[in-house]
Protein backbone atom coordinates (compact mmCIF):
# COMPACT_ATOMS: atom_id res chain seq x y z
CA UNK A 1 5.25 12.38 18.01
CA UNK A 2 5.06 16.34 19.06
CA UNK A 3 7.79 17.99 19.98
CA UNK A 4 9.33 21.56 19.75
CA UNK A 5 13.60 20.81 20.42
CA UNK A 6 15.07 21.87 16.93
CA UNK A 7 17.54 18.95 18.01
CA UNK A 8 14.82 16.29 17.68
CA UNK A 9 13.64 17.74 14.60
CA UNK A 10 16.84 15.59 12.83
CA UNK A 11 15.44 12.41 13.79
CA UNK A 12 12.13 13.15 11.97
CA UNK A 13 13.67 14.72 9.28
CA UNK A 14 16.14 11.71 8.70
CA UNK A 15 13.29 9.29 8.92
CA UNK A 16 11.19 11.24 6.51
CA UNK A 17 13.65 11.95 4.17
CA UNK A 18 13.63 15.70 4.96
CA UNK A 19 10.27 16.50 5.28
CA UNK A 20 8.25 17.47 8.28
CA UNK A 21 4.77 18.61 9.21
CA UNK A 22 3.89 21.78 11.47
CA UNK A 23 1.53 19.11 13.30
CA UNK A 24 4.97 17.16 14.44
CA UNK A 25 6.43 19.81 16.07
CA UNK A 26 3.96 22.42 17.19
CA UNK A 27 2.93 22.94 20.90
CA UNK A 28 -0.37 24.74 21.39
CA UNK A 29 -0.11 28.77 21.59
CA UNK A 30 3.41 28.85 20.30
CA UNK A 31 4.80 29.75 17.01
CA UNK A 32 7.69 27.86 15.43
CA UNK A 33 9.67 30.80 14.98
CA UNK A 34 12.62 28.45 13.97
CA UNK A 35 10.78 26.95 10.97
CA UNK A 36 9.54 30.26 10.28
CA UNK A 37 12.92 31.93 10.05
CA UNK A 38 14.07 28.92 7.76
CA UNK A 39 11.34 29.47 5.18
CA UNK A 40 12.20 33.56 5.33
CA UNK A 41 15.60 32.80 4.57
CA UNK A 42 14.75 30.14 2.02
CA UNK A 43 16.66 27.69 3.81
CA UNK A 44 13.52 25.74 3.78
CA UNK A 45 10.82 25.58 1.21
CA UNK A 46 6.87 24.60 1.45
CA UNK A 47 5.82 21.31 -0.27
CA UNK A 48 2.12 21.45 1.02
CA UNK A 49 0.37 23.62 3.03
CA UNK A 50 2.08 23.24 6.86
CA UNK A 51 4.50 20.91 5.06
CA UNK A 52 7.96 22.01 4.82
CA UNK A 53 11.45 20.60 3.03
CA UNK A 54 14.67 21.12 5.00
CA UNK A 55 16.13 21.52 1.77
CA UNK A 56 16.21 23.84 -1.49
CA UNK A 57 16.46 21.64 -4.44
CA UNK A 58 13.98 19.56 -6.14
CA UNK A 59 12.16 17.30 -3.78
CA UNK A 60 12.81 13.70 -4.36
CA UNK A 61 9.86 11.07 -5.45
CA UNK A 62 10.18 10.02 -1.82
CA UNK A 63 10.30 13.43 0.14
CA UNK A 64 7.01 14.30 -2.16
CA UNK A 65 5.34 11.04 -0.44
CA UNK A 66 5.96 11.65 2.60
CA UNK A 67 4.72 15.48 2.06
CA UNK A 68 1.60 14.30 1.07
CA UNK A 69 0.86 11.97 3.39
CA UNK A 70 2.02 14.38 6.31
CA UNK A 71 -0.12 17.11 4.71
CA UNK A 72 -3.57 14.37 5.58
CA UNK A 73 -2.56 14.40 9.16
CA UNK A 74 -1.74 12.14 11.83
CA UNK A 75 -2.80 8.64 10.76
CA UNK A 76 -2.97 9.19 7.44
CA UNK A 77 -1.52 6.10 4.94
CA UNK A 78 -0.69 6.27 1.55
CA UNK A 79 -3.06 4.10 -0.55
CA UNK A 80 -4.34 2.87 -4.04
CA UNK A 81 -2.09 3.62 -6.92
CA UNK A 82 0.63 5.49 -4.68
CA UNK A 83 1.09 2.43 -2.52
CA UNK A 84 0.94 0.43 -5.41
CA UNK A 85 4.15 1.88 -6.74
CA UNK A 86 5.99 1.62 -3.77
CA UNK A 87 5.04 -1.98 -3.41
CA UNK A 88 6.05 -2.40 -6.87
CA UNK A 89 2.59 -3.74 -7.81
CA UNK A 90 2.41 -0.59 -10.07
CA UNK A 91 4.66 -0.18 -13.01
CA UNK A 92 4.81 3.89 -13.06
CA UNK A 93 3.98 6.41 -10.72
CA UNK A 94 0.22 8.18 -10.91
CA UNK A 95 -0.28 11.77 -11.83
CA UNK A 96 -1.72 12.18 -8.28
CA UNK A 97 -0.69 10.93 -4.89
CA UNK A 98 -3.61 8.79 -3.07
CA UNK A 99 -4.18 8.96 0.77
CA UNK A 100 -6.35 7.14 3.16
CA UNK A 101 -7.50 8.37 6.24
CA UNK A 102 -10.03 7.50 8.89
CA UNK A 103 -13.65 8.14 8.17
CA UNK A 104 -13.79 9.65 11.46
CA UNK A 105 -12.65 13.02 10.45
CA UNK A 106 -12.41 14.92 7.33
CA UNK A 107 -9.73 17.37 5.36
CA UNK A 108 -9.77 19.58 2.41
CA UNK A 109 -6.76 19.56 0.50
CA UNK A 110 -6.79 22.31 -2.40
CA UNK A 111 -3.93 22.18 -4.90
CA UNK A 112 -2.21 25.71 -4.44
CA UNK A 113 -2.59 27.86 -8.01
CA UNK A 114 0.98 27.34 -10.04
CA UNK A 115 2.28 24.46 -7.27
CA UNK A 116 4.65 22.06 -8.82
CA UNK A 117 4.02 19.14 -6.23
CA UNK A 118 1.18 16.57 -7.21
CA UNK A 119 -2.27 16.65 -5.98
CA UNK A 120 -3.84 14.81 -3.16
CA UNK A 121 -6.07 12.55 -3.73
CA UNK A 122 -7.96 11.19 -0.08
CA UNK A 123 -9.91 8.69 0.38
CA UNK A 124 -11.41 7.62 3.94
CA UNK A 125 -11.88 4.00 5.18
CA UNK A 126 -13.33 2.80 8.60
CA UNK A 127 -10.47 0.10 8.61
CA UNK A 128 -7.62 2.16 8.20
CA UNK A 129 -5.77 0.41 11.12
CA UNK A 130 -6.15 -3.17 10.03
CA UNK A 131 -5.36 -1.87 6.34
CA UNK A 132 -2.16 -0.11 7.73
CA UNK A 133 0.96 -2.01 7.13
CA UNK A 134 2.69 -2.24 10.45
CA UNK A 135 6.20 -1.03 9.61
CA UNK A 136 6.83 -0.02 6.08
CA UNK A 137 7.47 3.60 5.43
CA UNK A 138 6.24 5.89 4.26
CA UNK A 139 3.01 4.63 6.00
CA UNK A 140 1.35 2.69 3.64
CA UNK A 141 -1.60 0.23 3.26
CA UNK A 142 -0.86 -3.47 3.40
CA UNK A 143 -0.45 -5.03 -0.15
CA UNK A 144 -3.56 -7.02 0.12
CA UNK A 145 -5.66 -4.17 1.27
CA UNK A 146 -3.81 -2.00 -1.59
CA UNK A 147 -4.78 -4.86 -4.54
CA UNK A 148 -8.26 -4.84 -3.01
CA UNK A 149 -8.77 -1.10 -3.01
CA UNK A 150 -7.61 -0.92 -6.76
CA UNK A 151 -10.01 -3.59 -7.43
CA UNK A 152 -13.01 -1.27 -6.49
CA UNK A 153 -11.41 1.71 -8.23
CA UNK A 154 -11.17 0.29 -11.35
CA UNK A 155 -13.36 1.42 -14.57
CA UNK A 156 -14.39 -2.36 -15.42
CA UNK A 157 -14.66 -6.10 -14.08
CA UNK A 158 -11.37 -6.91 -16.13
CA UNK A 159 -8.99 -4.50 -15.10
CA UNK A 160 -9.81 -5.26 -11.05
CA UNK A 161 -9.41 -9.20 -12.18
CA UNK A 162 -5.76 -8.21 -13.47
CA UNK A 163 -4.76 -6.48 -9.88
CA UNK A 164 -5.42 -9.82 -8.37
CA UNK A 165 -3.52 -11.79 -10.85
CA UNK A 166 -0.46 -9.41 -11.09
CA UNK A 167 -0.62 -9.22 -6.93
CA UNK A 168 -0.28 -12.80 -6.81
CA UNK A 169 2.17 -13.56 -9.97
CA UNK A 170 4.36 -10.95 -8.69
CA UNK A 171 4.41 -12.80 -5.60
CA UNK A 172 3.64 -9.61 -3.64
CA UNK A 173 0.74 -11.34 -1.40
CA UNK A 174 -1.34 -14.44 -1.62
CA UNK A 175 -4.90 -15.85 -2.68
CA UNK A 176 -5.49 -16.43 1.05
CA UNK A 177 -4.87 -12.81 2.24
CA UNK A 178 -6.86 -11.17 -0.71
CA UNK A 179 -9.93 -13.63 0.43
CA UNK A 180 -9.53 -12.53 3.94
CA UNK A 181 -9.51 -8.79 2.98
CA UNK A 182 -12.83 -9.61 0.46
CA UNK A 183 -14.67 -11.11 3.31
CA UNK A 184 -13.67 -8.49 5.39
CA UNK A 185 -15.44 -5.87 3.27
CA UNK A 186 -19.45 -5.88 3.32
CA UNK A 187 -19.63 -4.13 -0.03
CA UNK A 188 -17.26 -5.25 -3.04
CA UNK A 189 -17.97 -5.05 -6.36
CA UNK A 190 -17.46 -7.93 -8.63
CA UNK A 191 -17.31 -10.21 -5.62
CA UNK A 192 -18.03 -13.06 -7.73
CA UNK A 193 -15.55 -12.60 -10.35
CA UNK A 194 -12.93 -11.52 -7.83
CA UNK A 195 -13.41 -14.71 -5.62
CA UNK A 196 -13.05 -16.74 -9.02
CA UNK A 197 -9.93 -14.82 -10.09
CA UNK A 198 -8.32 -15.41 -6.53
CA UNK A 199 -8.80 -19.51 -6.79
CA UNK A 200 -7.37 -19.55 -10.51
CA UNK A 201 -4.21 -17.44 -8.87
CA UNK A 202 -4.03 -20.00 -6.15
CA UNK A 203 -3.85 -22.66 -8.88
CA UNK A 204 -1.06 -21.38 -10.38
CA UNK A 205 -2.55 -18.81 -12.97
CA UNK A 206 -0.18 -16.05 -13.55
CA UNK A 207 -1.61 -13.61 -16.24
CA UNK A 208 -5.05 -12.45 -17.28
CA UNK A 209 -4.39 -13.78 -20.78
CA UNK A 210 -3.88 -17.09 -18.48
CA UNK A 211 -7.84 -16.92 -16.60
CA UNK A 212 -8.74 -16.00 -20.19
CA UNK A 213 -7.57 -19.38 -21.64
CA UNK A 214 -9.14 -21.39 -18.68
CA UNK A 215 -12.55 -19.85 -18.34
CA UNK A 216 -12.74 -19.15 -22.43
CA UNK A 217 -11.07 -22.19 -23.68
CA UNK A 218 -10.18 -25.08 -21.38
CA UNK A 219 -13.03 -25.46 -19.43
CA UNK A 220 -16.18 -24.18 -21.47
CA UNK A 221 -15.16 -27.16 -24.16
CA UNK A 222 -14.55 -29.80 -22.03
CA UNK A 223 -10.76 -29.86 -22.17
CA UNK A 224 -8.88 -31.70 -19.80
CA UNK A 225 -7.38 -29.52 -16.76
CA UNK A 226 -3.99 -28.41 -17.34
CA UNK A 227 -0.91 -28.04 -14.64
CA UNK A 228 -0.33 -24.13 -14.33
CA UNK A 229 3.12 -23.16 -14.52
CA UNK A 230 4.45 -26.53 -14.70
CA UNK A 231 8.15 -27.16 -13.74
CA UNK A 232 10.18 -28.50 -16.66
CA UNK A 233 13.68 -29.49 -16.36
CA UNK A 234 16.07 -30.27 -19.33
CA UNK A 235 19.70 -30.78 -18.43
CA UNK A 236 20.58 -28.10 -16.13
CA UNK A 237 18.02 -25.81 -17.37
CA UNK A 238 14.70 -25.19 -15.54
CA UNK A 239 11.79 -23.91 -17.06
CA UNK A 240 7.88 -23.25 -16.39
CA UNK A 241 5.27 -23.93 -18.84
CA UNK A 242 1.96 -22.07 -18.88
CA UNK A 243 -0.35 -25.07 -19.35
CA UNK A 244 1.04 -28.45 -19.40
CA UNK A 245 -1.52 -31.42 -20.10
CA UNK A 246 1.45 -33.79 -18.94
CA UNK A 247 -0.39 -37.15 -19.66
CA UNK A 248 -0.51 -36.55 -23.12
CA UNK A 249 2.96 -34.31 -23.70
CA UNK A 250 1.33 -31.18 -25.07
CA UNK A 251 2.02 -27.77 -23.45
CA UNK A 252 0.16 -24.51 -23.99
CA UNK A 253 2.30 -21.46 -23.99
CA UNK A 254 0.17 -18.04 -24.50
CA UNK A 255 2.16 -14.69 -25.31
CA UNK A 256 0.19 -11.52 -24.24
CA UNK A 257 2.59 -9.58 -26.21
CA UNK A 258 2.14 -7.97 -29.70
CA UNK A 259 5.88 -8.49 -30.78
CA UNK A 260 8.51 -9.74 -28.92
CA UNK A 261 12.22 -8.86 -29.10
CA UNK A 262 14.82 -10.73 -31.23
CA UNK A 263 16.26 -12.29 -27.75
CA UNK A 264 12.98 -12.90 -25.69
CA UNK A 265 11.77 -14.77 -29.25
CA UNK A 266 14.86 -16.92 -29.45
CA UNK A 267 14.25 -17.64 -25.75
CA UNK A 268 10.80 -19.03 -26.80
CA UNK A 269 12.37 -21.13 -29.63
CA UNK A 270 15.13 -22.36 -27.34
CA UNK A 271 12.22 -23.73 -24.75
CA UNK A 272 10.08 -24.85 -27.60
CA UNK A 273 12.96 -26.91 -28.83
CA UNK A 274 13.84 -28.26 -25.44
CA UNK A 275 10.27 -29.48 -24.89
CA UNK A 276 10.47 -31.33 -28.24
CA UNK A 277 13.57 -33.38 -26.82
CA UNK A 278 11.41 -33.99 -24.15
CA UNK A 279 8.69 -35.51 -26.16
CA UNK A 280 6.09 -32.39 -25.70
CA UNK A 281 4.64 -30.65 -28.58
CA UNK A 282 4.00 -27.21 -27.70
CA UNK A 283 0.92 -25.15 -28.99
CA UNK A 284 1.23 -21.32 -28.74
CA UNK A 285 -1.58 -18.73 -29.17
CA UNK A 286 -1.72 -15.00 -28.47
CA UNK A 287 -4.35 -12.32 -26.92
CA UNK A 288 -6.34 -12.50 -30.08
CA UNK A 289 -6.31 -16.30 -30.59
CA UNK A 290 -7.41 -16.69 -27.14
CA UNK A 291 -10.00 -13.99 -26.72
CA UNK A 292 -11.68 -13.66 -30.27
CA UNK A 293 -11.14 -17.42 -31.39
CA UNK A 294 -11.16 -19.46 -28.20
CA UNK A 295 -13.70 -22.00 -29.97
CA UNK A 296 -11.02 -22.66 -32.65
CA UNK A 297 -8.26 -22.69 -30.43
CA UNK A 298 -10.05 -25.68 -28.30
CA UNK A 299 -10.65 -27.59 -30.88
CA UNK A 300 -7.10 -27.47 -32.20
CA UNK A 301 -5.88 -28.27 -28.82
CA UNK A 302 -8.31 -31.07 -28.39
CA UNK A 303 -7.14 -32.49 -32.11
CA UNK A 304 -3.79 -32.55 -30.84
CA UNK A 305 -4.71 -34.49 -27.60
CA UNK A 306 -6.79 -37.07 -29.15
CA UNK A 307 -3.28 -37.83 -31.11
CA UNK A 308 -1.38 -38.18 -28.03
CA UNK A 309 -3.85 -40.40 -26.15
CA UNK A 310 -7.11 -38.13 -25.09
CA UNK A 311 -10.00 -40.32 -25.05
CA UNK A 312 -12.57 -37.29 -23.80
CA UNK A 313 -15.26 -35.49 -26.02
CA UNK A 314 -15.03 -31.51 -26.92
CA UNK A 315 -18.03 -29.77 -25.69
CA UNK A 316 -19.98 -27.02 -27.67
CA UNK A 317 -19.55 -24.07 -25.07
CA UNK A 318 -22.65 -22.36 -25.98
CA UNK A 319 -25.36 -22.03 -29.40
CA UNK A 320 -23.14 -20.39 -31.58
CA UNK A 321 -19.98 -22.54 -30.85
CA UNK A 322 -17.76 -22.64 -33.51
CA UNK A 323 -15.37 -25.45 -32.09
CA UNK A 324 -15.71 -28.78 -34.60
CA UNK A 325 -17.95 -31.51 -33.12
CA UNK A 326 -16.19 -34.41 -31.54
């Protein structure tokens, strides 16, 4: 949108939380006297070079995000951790604002000395039109594109996997959409691990710890396959169990937190008691159990399953497996 009529600026300013860019209102060979006058009179302020806020107080977070995406120029979108922040995939804002522009052009954005606005990190993509969300503002990438971007920016595979699980467990996107984005990218780090965890997410796994349980405890030791996030109703109460071996009346609950507040601990106790009343034995393990002692955990679960009628045999996961022999 390009206009030089002040009456049209109001629509842009309202849409963009009081922020506007010079390129949105400029006409070739013509100075924008009205904006320059407002800046001189301290009625407006500069956020980034060529991007202005039509107010004098501290800018809101949304105004800063608009300022960053406008500074990157036409067609830019917020991406990576910043898009994740907007769509509730990330729990806190990053220290910088991430924007993506088409790989057909280049932009250099320097942080002005003494500037109080966040730095901007620019990414380039040849798929920006496919990645752009069609309607959300400020402009940003689709959640599935954001998720895959974050997996590629992750320093190690375990963090990459956690982004996929988090996006699916929060119901922000689906494994099918994530798979389509992964397929569209010929160069993808940790493709096998991401494909595997996407399949796990489709099966109902909601956390990295649950994925570690399936891949480190259940499958390599030959335990039966549990139902993930199994619905359990007791009276009017509805609960979801992390892993339920329904045929044998055994539930395995996983706790990734080092400690629980009292009210959360009581919730767990109440759920375990309700399961016991329904004839379900609950075994509960934490992060250290699953990640550091998976063989011992497998042995304990196998023992309880056998008491409940399981006739299978426990497998050794490797030469150094510490699980007891069947």
